[in-house]
Amino acid sequence: MFNNINEQRNFITSRFAEIQVRFLEVLRKQADKLVLLKKFNDRYNRFIEDNPEILDDPETKQELQIKLEELTDSLWVLVEAKKDLAVTERKGIMDSGYIEEEMDFFISNVQKLAQGELERYFGCVKLIKDYYQAIQNRAAPFNSDLHPIEVLPPPEVFFWPLTLY
């Protein structure tokens, strides 16, 4: 029983690390933000080099402001898309049922341990009772009124390791 719990702990630890790595890969996936920024910066620098005399023109400033707002909007679209991807991945991890399945398996093992301890306790009580009855030269009754009780019924039996997300 303790081996099962120890194996489960090791399995959960390695699976948790795999989930973390996969989620971090989703977060680290490069978007095209740097490409957009570089492209905008190159166009701006080329424009300044080619047309230094019209830099103070109000219409030029207005046009540059519009281009900058378009860049900002494009960057926000990329950021929102990445956020949606991360939220979807997180939701997939949370909805996989992995934690619930592992908790059911763990609770089942704990219930088995508790049942074993109860049976051991009642065995000891019966042994002590039989011993003192033997000392007093009385025959032990064949049907003892001491019977181990059942711990909560165990959850469904799982085949471990479980299928994962």
N, C-alpha and C. Protein backbone atom coordinates (compact mmCIF):
# COMPACT_ATOMS: atom_id res chain seq x y z
N MET A 1 0.83 -1.19 0.00
CA MET A 1 0.00 0.00 0.00
C MET A 1 0.88 1.26 0.00
N PHE A 2 1.90 1.25 0.87
CA PHE A 2 2.78 2.42 0.90
C PHE A 2 3.57 2.55 -0.40
N ASN A 3 3.86 1.42 -1.03
CA ASN A 3 4.53 1.47 -2.34
C ASN A 3 3.62 2.15 -3.37
N ASN A 4 2.33 1.82 -3.33
CA ASN A 4 1.39 2.46 -4.26
C ASN A 4 1.38 3.98 -4.06
N ILE A 5 1.34 4.40 -2.82
CA ILE A 5 1.31 5.84 -2.53
C ILE A 5 2.61 6.49 -2.98
N ASN A 6 3.73 5.82 -2.73
CA ASN A 6 5.03 6.37 -3.15
C ASN A 6 5.13 6.43 -4.67
N GLU A 7 4.68 5.38 -5.37
CA GLU A 7 4.69 5.39 -6.83
C GLU A 7 3.79 6.49 -7.37
N GLN A 8 2.64 6.67 -6.74
CA GLN A 8 1.73 7.72 -7.17
C GLN A 8 2.37 9.09 -6.99
N ARG A 9 3.04 9.30 -5.86
CA ARG A 9 3.71 10.58 -5.62
C ARG A 9 4.76 10.85 -6.70
N ASN A 10 5.57 9.83 -7.01
CA ASN A 10 6.59 9.99 -8.05
C ASN A 10 5.95 10.26 -9.41
N PHE A 11 4.88 9.55 -9.71
CA PHE A 11 4.19 9.74 -10.98
C PHE A 11 3.60 11.14 -11.08
N ILE A 12 2.96 11.60 -10.01
CA ILE A 12 2.35 12.93 -10.01
C ILE A 12 3.42 14.00 -10.16
N THR A 13 4.54 13.82 -9.49
CA THR A 13 5.63 14.81 -9.58
C THR A 13 6.14 14.92 -11.01
N SER A 14 6.38 13.78 -11.65
CA SER A 14 6.89 13.83 -13.03
C SER A 14 5.83 14.37 -13.99
N ARG A 15 4.57 13.97 -13.79
CA ARG A 15 3.49 14.46 -14.66
C ARG A 15 3.29 15.96 -14.49
N PHE A 16 3.38 16.44 -13.25
CA PHE A 16 3.25 17.87 -12.98
C PHE A 16 4.36 18.64 -13.69
N ALA A 17 5.56 18.10 -13.66
CA ALA A 17 6.68 18.76 -14.36
C ALA A 17 6.43 18.80 -15.87
N GLU A 18 5.89 17.71 -16.43
CA GLU A 18 5.58 17.68 -17.87
C GLU A 18 4.52 18.73 -18.22
N ILE A 19 3.50 18.84 -17.39
CA ILE A 19 2.44 19.83 -17.64
C ILE A 19 3.01 21.24 -17.58
N GLN A 20 3.88 21.49 -16.59
CA GLN A 20 4.50 22.81 -16.48
C GLN A 20 5.33 23.14 -17.71
N VAL A 21 6.13 22.18 -18.15
CA VAL A 21 6.99 22.41 -19.32
C VAL A 21 6.14 22.71 -20.55
N ARG A 22 5.07 21.91 -20.75
CA ARG A 22 4.22 22.13 -21.92
C ARG A 22 3.54 23.50 -21.86
N PHE A 23 3.09 23.89 -20.68
CA PHE A 23 2.44 25.20 -20.55
C PHE A 23 3.44 26.33 -20.77
N LEU A 24 4.65 26.17 -20.24
CA LEU A 24 5.68 27.20 -20.46
C LEU A 24 6.05 27.30 -21.95
N GLU A 25 6.04 26.17 -22.66
CA GLU A 25 6.30 26.22 -24.10
C GLU A 25 5.23 27.03 -24.82
N VAL A 26 3.99 26.88 -24.38
CA VAL A 26 2.91 27.68 -24.97
C VAL A 26 3.15 29.16 -24.69
N LEU A 27 3.55 29.48 -23.47
CA LEU A 27 3.78 30.88 -23.12
C LEU A 27 5.00 31.46 -23.82
N ARG A 28 6.01 30.64 -24.03
CA ARG A 28 7.24 31.14 -24.64
C ARG A 28 7.20 31.18 -26.17
N LYS A 29 6.15 30.61 -26.74
CA LYS A 29 6.05 30.59 -28.20
C LYS A 29 6.09 32.03 -28.71
N GLN A 30 7.00 32.28 -29.63
CA GLN A 30 7.20 33.64 -30.12
C GLN A 30 6.06 34.05 -31.05
N ALA A 31 5.57 35.22 -30.80
CA ALA A 31 4.59 35.81 -31.70
C ALA A 31 5.35 36.71 -32.68
N ASP A 32 4.64 37.33 -33.59
CA ASP A 32 5.28 38.17 -34.58
C ASP A 32 5.40 39.63 -34.12
N LYS A 33 5.38 39.85 -32.82
CA LYS A 33 5.46 41.22 -32.31
C LYS A 33 6.76 41.89 -32.70
N LEU A 34 7.87 41.16 -32.53
CA LEU A 34 9.17 41.76 -32.85
C LEU A 34 9.29 42.04 -34.35
N VAL A 35 8.71 41.19 -35.17
CA VAL A 35 8.75 41.40 -36.63
C VAL A 35 8.00 42.67 -36.98
N LEU A 36 6.81 42.84 -36.38
CA LEU A 36 6.03 44.06 -36.64
C LEU A 36 6.78 45.31 -36.18
N LEU A 37 7.37 45.25 -34.99
CA LEU A 37 8.12 46.40 -34.49
C LEU A 37 9.32 46.73 -35.38
N LYS A 38 10.04 45.71 -35.77
CA LYS A 38 11.21 45.94 -36.63
C LYS A 38 10.80 46.53 -37.98
N LYS A 39 9.72 45.99 -38.55
CA LYS A 39 9.25 46.48 -39.84
C LYS A 39 8.83 47.96 -39.71
N PHE A 40 8.11 48.30 -38.64
CA PHE A 40 7.70 49.68 -38.43
C PHE A 40 8.92 50.57 -38.23
N ASN A 41 9.85 50.11 -37.43
CA ASN A 41 11.06 50.90 -37.16
C ASN A 41 11.86 51.12 -38.44
N ASP A 42 12.00 50.10 -39.26
CA ASP A 42 12.75 50.24 -40.52
C ASP A 42 12.06 51.25 -41.46
N ARG A 43 10.73 51.13 -41.58
CA ARG A 43 10.00 52.07 -42.45
C ARG A 43 10.14 53.51 -41.93
N TYR A 44 10.04 53.66 -40.62
CA TYR A 44 10.14 55.00 -40.03
C TYR A 44 11.54 55.58 -40.28
N ASN A 45 12.57 54.81 -40.01
CA ASN A 45 13.95 55.29 -40.19
C ASN A 45 14.23 55.60 -41.66
N ARG A 46 13.74 54.75 -42.57
CA ARG A 46 13.93 55.01 -44.00
C ARG A 46 13.21 56.30 -44.42
N PHE A 47 12.00 56.48 -43.90
CA PHE A 47 11.24 57.69 -44.21
C PHE A 47 11.98 58.93 -43.71
N ILE A 48 12.50 58.86 -42.49
CA ILE A 48 13.23 60.01 -41.93
C ILE A 48 14.49 60.30 -42.75
N GLU A 49 15.19 59.27 -43.15
CA GLU A 49 16.40 59.47 -43.94
C GLU A 49 16.09 60.04 -45.32
N ASP A 50 15.00 59.58 -45.94
CA ASP A 50 14.65 60.03 -47.28
C ASP A 50 14.00 61.41 -47.28
N ASN A 51 13.31 61.76 -46.21
CA ASN A 51 12.54 63.01 -46.17
C ASN A 51 12.76 63.79 -44.87
N PRO A 52 13.96 64.22 -44.59
CA PRO A 52 14.19 64.93 -43.33
C PRO A 52 13.50 66.31 -43.30
N GLU A 53 13.22 66.89 -44.46
CA GLU A 53 12.65 68.24 -44.50
C GLU A 53 11.16 68.27 -44.12
N ILE A 54 10.44 67.19 -44.31
CA ILE A 54 9.00 67.24 -44.02
C ILE A 54 8.65 66.67 -42.65
N LEU A 55 9.65 66.44 -41.82
CA LEU A 55 9.42 65.87 -40.50
C LEU A 55 8.60 66.79 -39.60
N ASP A 56 8.73 68.09 -39.79
CA ASP A 56 7.98 69.05 -38.98
C ASP A 56 6.60 69.36 -39.54
N ASP A 57 6.26 68.81 -40.65
CA ASP A 57 4.96 69.04 -41.26
C ASP A 57 3.86 68.39 -40.42
N PRO A 58 2.77 69.15 -40.10
CA PRO A 58 1.68 68.59 -39.28
C PRO A 58 1.00 67.38 -39.92
N GLU A 59 0.86 67.39 -41.25
CA GLU A 59 0.24 66.25 -41.92
C GLU A 59 1.11 65.00 -41.79
N THR A 60 2.42 65.18 -41.87
CA THR A 60 3.34 64.06 -41.70
C THR A 60 3.24 63.50 -40.29
N LYS A 61 3.18 64.39 -39.32
CA LYS A 61 3.04 63.95 -37.94
C LYS A 61 1.73 63.18 -37.74
N GLN A 62 0.68 63.69 -38.35
CA GLN A 62 -0.62 63.03 -38.26
C GLN A 62 -0.56 61.62 -38.89
N GLU A 63 0.08 61.55 -40.05
CA GLU A 63 0.20 60.25 -40.72
C GLU A 63 1.04 59.27 -39.89
N LEU A 64 2.12 59.76 -39.29
CA LEU A 64 2.94 58.90 -38.43
C LEU A 64 2.15 58.43 -37.20
N GLN A 65 1.33 59.33 -36.67
CA GLN A 65 0.48 58.99 -35.52
C GLN A 65 -0.51 57.87 -35.91
N ILE A 66 -1.08 57.96 -37.08
CA ILE A 66 -2.02 56.93 -37.56
C ILE A 66 -1.29 55.60 -37.71
N LYS A 67 -0.09 55.64 -38.30
CA LYS A 67 0.69 54.42 -38.47
C LYS A 67 1.04 53.80 -37.11
N LEU A 68 1.37 54.65 -36.14
CA LEU A 68 1.69 54.17 -34.80
C LEU A 68 0.47 53.53 -34.13
N GLU A 69 -0.71 54.11 -34.32
CA GLU A 69 -1.94 53.52 -33.77
C GLU A 69 -2.25 52.18 -34.44
N GLU A 70 -1.98 52.08 -35.73
CA GLU A 70 -2.18 50.79 -36.41
C GLU A 70 -1.23 49.73 -35.86
N LEU A 71 0.01 50.14 -35.61
CA LEU A 71 0.98 49.22 -35.01
C LEU A 71 0.51 48.77 -33.62
N THR A 72 0.04 49.73 -32.84
CA THR A 72 -0.46 49.40 -31.50
C THR A 72 -1.62 48.42 -31.58
N ASP A 73 -2.55 48.66 -32.49
CA ASP A 73 -3.69 47.75 -32.65
C ASP A 73 -3.22 46.35 -33.06
N SER A 74 -2.27 46.29 -33.97
CA SER A 74 -1.75 44.99 -34.42
C SER A 74 -1.07 44.24 -33.27
N LEU A 75 -0.32 44.99 -32.47
CA LEU A 75 0.34 44.36 -31.32
C LEU A 75 -0.70 43.85 -30.31
N TRP A 76 -1.75 44.62 -30.07
CA TRP A 76 -2.80 44.17 -29.15
C TRP A 76 -3.51 42.93 -29.65
N VAL A 77 -3.71 42.85 -30.96
CA VAL A 77 -4.34 41.65 -31.52
C VAL A 77 -3.46 40.42 -31.24
N LEU A 78 -2.15 40.57 -31.44
CA LEU A 78 -1.23 39.46 -31.18
C LEU A 78 -1.21 39.09 -29.70
N VAL A 79 -1.20 40.10 -28.83
CA VAL A 79 -1.20 39.83 -27.39
C VAL A 79 -2.48 39.12 -26.96
N GLU A 80 -3.61 39.57 -27.45
CA GLU A 80 -4.89 38.94 -27.11
C GLU A 80 -4.95 37.50 -27.62
N ALA A 81 -4.42 37.28 -28.81
CA ALA A 81 -4.42 35.91 -29.36
C ALA A 81 -3.57 34.99 -28.50
N LYS A 82 -2.42 35.48 -28.06
CA LYS A 82 -1.56 34.67 -27.20
C LYS A 82 -2.21 34.44 -25.84
N LYS A 83 -2.88 35.46 -25.33
CA LYS A 83 -3.59 35.30 -24.05
C LYS A 83 -4.69 34.25 -24.19
N ASP A 84 -5.44 34.30 -25.28
CA ASP A 84 -6.51 33.32 -25.51
C ASP A 84 -5.94 31.91 -25.61
N LEU A 85 -4.80 31.77 -26.27
CA LEU A 85 -4.15 30.47 -26.38
C LEU A 85 -3.73 29.94 -25.01
N ALA A 86 -3.15 30.81 -24.18
CA ALA A 86 -2.74 30.41 -22.83
C ALA A 86 -3.94 30.06 -21.97
N VAL A 87 -5.01 30.83 -22.07
CA VAL A 87 -6.22 30.55 -21.29
C VAL A 87 -6.82 29.21 -21.74
N THR A 88 -6.83 28.95 -23.03
CA THR A 88 -7.36 27.69 -23.54
C THR A 88 -6.53 26.51 -23.04
N GLU A 89 -5.22 26.65 -23.06
CA GLU A 89 -4.33 25.59 -22.57
C GLU A 89 -4.56 25.36 -21.09
N ARG A 90 -4.66 26.43 -20.32
CA ARG A 90 -4.91 26.32 -18.87
C ARG A 90 -6.25 25.64 -18.60
N LYS A 91 -7.26 26.03 -19.34
CA LYS A 91 -8.58 25.42 -19.17
C LYS A 91 -8.53 23.93 -19.51
N GLY A 92 -7.79 23.58 -20.55
CA GLY A 92 -7.63 22.17 -20.90
C GLY A 92 -6.98 21.37 -19.79
N ILE A 93 -5.98 21.96 -19.16
CA ILE A 93 -5.31 21.30 -18.04
C ILE A 93 -6.27 21.14 -16.87
N MET A 94 -7.00 22.20 -16.57
CA MET A 94 -7.91 22.16 -15.43
C MET A 94 -9.09 21.21 -15.67
N ASP A 95 -9.57 21.12 -16.90
CA ASP A 95 -10.73 20.29 -17.21
C ASP A 95 -10.37 18.85 -17.52
N SER A 96 -9.10 18.51 -17.48
CA SER A 96 -8.69 17.15 -17.85
C SER A 96 -9.14 16.11 -16.84
N GLY A 97 -9.41 16.52 -15.61
CA GLY A 97 -9.84 15.58 -14.58
C GLY A 97 -8.69 14.81 -13.97
N TYR A 98 -7.48 15.17 -14.31
CA TYR A 98 -6.29 14.48 -13.82
C TYR A 98 -6.20 14.54 -12.30
N ILE A 99 -6.37 15.72 -11.74
CA ILE A 99 -6.26 15.88 -10.29
C ILE A 99 -7.33 15.07 -9.57
N GLU A 100 -8.55 15.12 -10.07
CA GLU A 100 -9.64 14.38 -9.44
C GLU A 100 -9.38 12.89 -9.45
N GLU A 101 -8.87 12.38 -10.59
CA GLU A 101 -8.59 10.95 -10.69
C GLU A 101 -7.49 10.54 -9.72
N GLU A 102 -6.44 11.34 -9.64
CA GLU A 102 -5.35 11.03 -8.73
C GLU A 102 -5.81 11.12 -7.27
N MET A 103 -6.65 12.09 -6.96
CA MET A 103 -7.18 12.19 -5.60
C MET A 103 -8.04 10.98 -5.26
N ASP A 104 -8.86 10.52 -6.19
CA ASP A 104 -9.67 9.32 -5.95
C ASP A 104 -8.77 8.11 -5.68
N PHE A 105 -7.71 7.98 -6.45
CA PHE A 105 -6.79 6.86 -6.26
C PHE A 105 -6.12 6.96 -4.89
N PHE A 106 -5.70 8.17 -4.52
CA PHE A 106 -5.05 8.38 -3.22
C PHE A 106 -6.01 8.08 -2.08
N ILE A 107 -7.23 8.58 -2.18
CA ILE A 107 -8.23 8.35 -1.13
C ILE A 107 -8.52 6.86 -1.00
N SER A 108 -8.59 6.16 -2.12
CA SER A 108 -8.80 4.72 -2.09
C SER A 108 -7.68 4.03 -1.31
N ASN A 109 -6.43 4.43 -1.55
CA ASN A 109 -5.30 3.84 -0.82
C ASN A 109 -5.36 4.18 0.66
N VAL A 110 -5.72 5.40 0.99
CA VAL A 110 -5.82 5.79 2.41
C VAL A 110 -6.94 4.99 3.08
N GLN A 111 -8.05 4.79 2.39
CA GLN A 111 -9.14 3.99 2.96
C GLN A 111 -8.70 2.55 3.21
N LYS A 112 -7.94 2.00 2.29
CA LYS A 112 -7.42 0.65 2.48
C LYS A 112 -6.49 0.59 3.68
N LEU A 113 -5.65 1.62 3.84
CA LEU A 113 -4.76 1.67 5.00
C LEU A 113 -5.57 1.77 6.30
N ALA A 114 -6.59 2.62 6.30
CA ALA A 114 -7.42 2.76 7.49
C ALA A 114 -8.15 1.46 7.79
N GLN A 115 -8.65 0.78 6.76
CA GLN A 115 -9.34 -0.50 6.97
C GLN A 115 -8.36 -1.53 7.55
N GLY A 116 -7.15 -1.56 7.04
CA GLY A 116 -6.14 -2.48 7.58
C GLY A 116 -5.83 -2.20 9.04
N GLU A 117 -5.73 -0.92 9.38
CA GLU A 117 -5.47 -0.55 10.77
C GLU A 117 -6.64 -0.94 11.68
N LEU A 118 -7.86 -0.75 11.20
CA LEU A 118 -9.03 -1.16 11.99
C LEU A 118 -9.04 -2.67 12.21
N GLU A 119 -8.75 -3.42 11.16
CA GLU A 119 -8.72 -4.87 11.30
C GLU A 119 -7.62 -5.30 12.25
N ARG A 120 -6.49 -4.64 12.20
CA ARG A 120 -5.39 -4.95 13.12
C ARG A 120 -5.80 -4.63 14.55
N TYR A 121 -6.45 -3.49 14.75
CA TYR A 121 -6.92 -3.11 16.09
C TYR A 121 -7.89 -4.14 16.64
N PHE A 122 -8.90 -4.52 15.83
CA PHE A 122 -9.88 -5.49 16.31
C PHE A 122 -9.24 -6.86 16.53
N GLY A 123 -8.25 -7.20 15.73
CA GLY A 123 -7.51 -8.45 15.96
C GLY A 123 -6.79 -8.43 17.29
N CYS A 124 -6.15 -7.27 17.60
CA CYS A 124 -5.46 -7.14 18.89
C CYS A 124 -6.45 -7.21 20.06
N VAL A 125 -7.58 -6.54 19.92
CA VAL A 125 -8.58 -6.57 20.98
C VAL A 125 -9.07 -7.99 21.20
N LYS A 126 -9.32 -8.70 20.13
CA LYS A 126 -9.79 -10.09 20.23
C LYS A 126 -8.72 -10.96 20.87
N LEU A 127 -7.45 -10.76 20.50
CA LEU A 127 -6.36 -11.52 21.09
C LEU A 127 -6.26 -11.27 22.58
N ILE A 128 -6.33 -10.01 22.98
CA ILE A 128 -6.25 -9.67 24.39
C ILE A 128 -7.45 -10.25 25.15
N LYS A 129 -8.62 -10.15 24.58
CA LYS A 129 -9.83 -10.70 25.21
C LYS A 129 -9.71 -12.21 25.37
N ASP A 130 -9.24 -12.89 24.30
CA ASP A 130 -9.07 -14.35 24.37
C ASP A 130 -8.00 -14.73 25.40
N TYR A 131 -6.93 -13.94 25.48
CA TYR A 131 -5.86 -14.21 26.43
C TYR A 131 -6.38 -14.15 27.86
N TYR A 132 -7.10 -13.08 28.20
CA TYR A 132 -7.61 -12.96 29.57
C TYR A 132 -8.68 -13.98 29.88
N GLN A 133 -9.44 -14.38 28.89
CA GLN A 133 -10.41 -15.45 29.12
C GLN A 133 -9.69 -16.77 29.37
N ALA A 134 -8.57 -17.00 28.68
CA ALA A 134 -7.79 -18.21 28.88
C ALA A 134 -7.16 -18.22 30.27
N ILE A 135 -6.69 -17.06 30.73
CA ILE A 135 -6.11 -16.96 32.07
C ILE A 135 -7.16 -17.29 33.13
N GLN A 136 -8.35 -16.87 32.91
CA GLN A 136 -9.44 -17.10 33.86
C GLN A 136 -10.06 -18.49 33.67
N ASN A 137 -9.46 -19.32 32.85
CA ASN A 137 -9.92 -20.68 32.57
C ASN A 137 -11.34 -20.73 32.02
N ARG A 138 -11.67 -19.79 31.23
CA ARG A 138 -12.96 -19.82 30.56
C ARG A 138 -12.71 -20.04 29.08
N ALA A 139 -13.57 -20.77 28.47
CA ALA A 139 -13.44 -20.99 27.04
C ALA A 139 -13.90 -19.74 26.30
N ALA A 140 -13.18 -19.42 25.29
CA ALA A 140 -13.56 -18.25 24.49
C ALA A 140 -14.80 -18.57 23.68
N PRO A 141 -15.72 -17.64 23.61
CA PRO A 141 -16.91 -17.91 22.81
C PRO A 141 -16.54 -18.05 21.34
N PHE A 142 -17.23 -18.95 20.66
CA PHE A 142 -16.93 -19.19 19.25
C PHE A 142 -17.31 -17.98 18.40
N ASN A 143 -18.48 -17.42 18.63
CA ASN A 143 -18.91 -16.24 17.89
C ASN A 143 -18.61 -15.01 18.74
N SER A 144 -17.57 -14.33 18.41
CA SER A 144 -17.23 -13.11 19.14
C SER A 144 -18.09 -11.96 18.62
N ASP A 145 -18.40 -11.05 19.51
CA ASP A 145 -19.21 -9.91 19.10
C ASP A 145 -18.34 -8.78 18.52
N LEU A 146 -17.04 -9.00 18.48
CA LEU A 146 -16.14 -7.99 17.91
C LEU A 146 -15.85 -8.33 16.45
N HIS A 147 -16.28 -7.46 15.58
CA HIS A 147 -16.01 -7.62 14.15
C HIS A 147 -15.50 -6.30 13.62
N PRO A 148 -14.51 -6.35 12.75
CA PRO A 148 -14.03 -5.09 12.17
C PRO A 148 -15.14 -4.38 11.41
N ILE A 149 -15.12 -3.08 11.48
CA ILE A 149 -16.11 -2.29 10.74
C ILE A 149 -15.51 -1.91 9.39
N GLU A 150 -16.37 -1.62 8.46
CA GLU A 150 -15.91 -1.20 7.13
C GLU A 150 -15.71 0.31 7.12
N VAL A 151 -14.58 0.71 6.61
CA VAL A 151 -14.35 2.13 6.38
C VAL A 151 -15.24 2.50 5.20
N LEU A 152 -15.35 3.76 4.93
CA LEU A 152 -16.16 4.19 3.79
C LEU A 152 -15.90 3.31 2.58
N PRO A 153 -16.92 2.99 1.83
CA PRO A 153 -16.69 2.15 0.66
C PRO A 153 -15.70 2.82 -0.29
N PRO A 154 -14.77 2.04 -0.82
CA PRO A 154 -13.75 2.66 -1.68
C PRO A 154 -14.38 3.17 -2.97
N PRO A 155 -13.80 4.22 -3.55
CA PRO A 155 -14.31 4.71 -4.84
C PRO A 155 -14.05 3.67 -5.91
N GLU A 156 -14.49 3.98 -7.10
CA GLU A 156 -14.31 3.06 -8.21
C GLU A 156 -12.85 2.62 -8.30
N VAL A 157 -12.65 1.40 -8.73
CA VAL A 157 -11.30 0.89 -8.87
C VAL A 157 -10.70 1.49 -10.13
N PHE A 158 -9.50 2.03 -9.98
CA PHE A 158 -8.81 2.65 -11.11
C PHE A 158 -7.63 1.78 -11.50
N PHE A 159 -7.35 1.78 -12.76
CA PHE A 159 -6.16 1.11 -13.24
C PHE A 159 -5.10 2.18 -13.32
N TRP A 160 -4.06 2.05 -12.52
CA TRP A 160 -3.05 3.08 -12.39
C TRP A 160 -1.83 2.68 -13.18
N PRO A 161 -1.13 3.51 -13.85
CA PRO A 161 -1.39 4.94 -14.02
C PRO A 161 -2.56 5.21 -14.96
N LEU A 162 -3.20 6.31 -14.71
CA LEU A 162 -4.40 6.67 -15.42
C LEU A 162 -4.06 7.29 -16.76
N THR A 163 -5.04 7.31 -17.64
CA THR A 163 -4.85 8.03 -18.90
C THR A 163 -4.86 9.50 -18.57
N LEU A 164 -4.02 10.24 -19.22
CA LEU A 164 -3.83 11.64 -18.88
C LEU A 164 -4.23 12.54 -20.01
N TYR A 165 -4.40 13.78 -19.67
CA TYR A 165 -4.77 14.85 -20.57
C TYR A 165 -3.87 14.85 -21.76
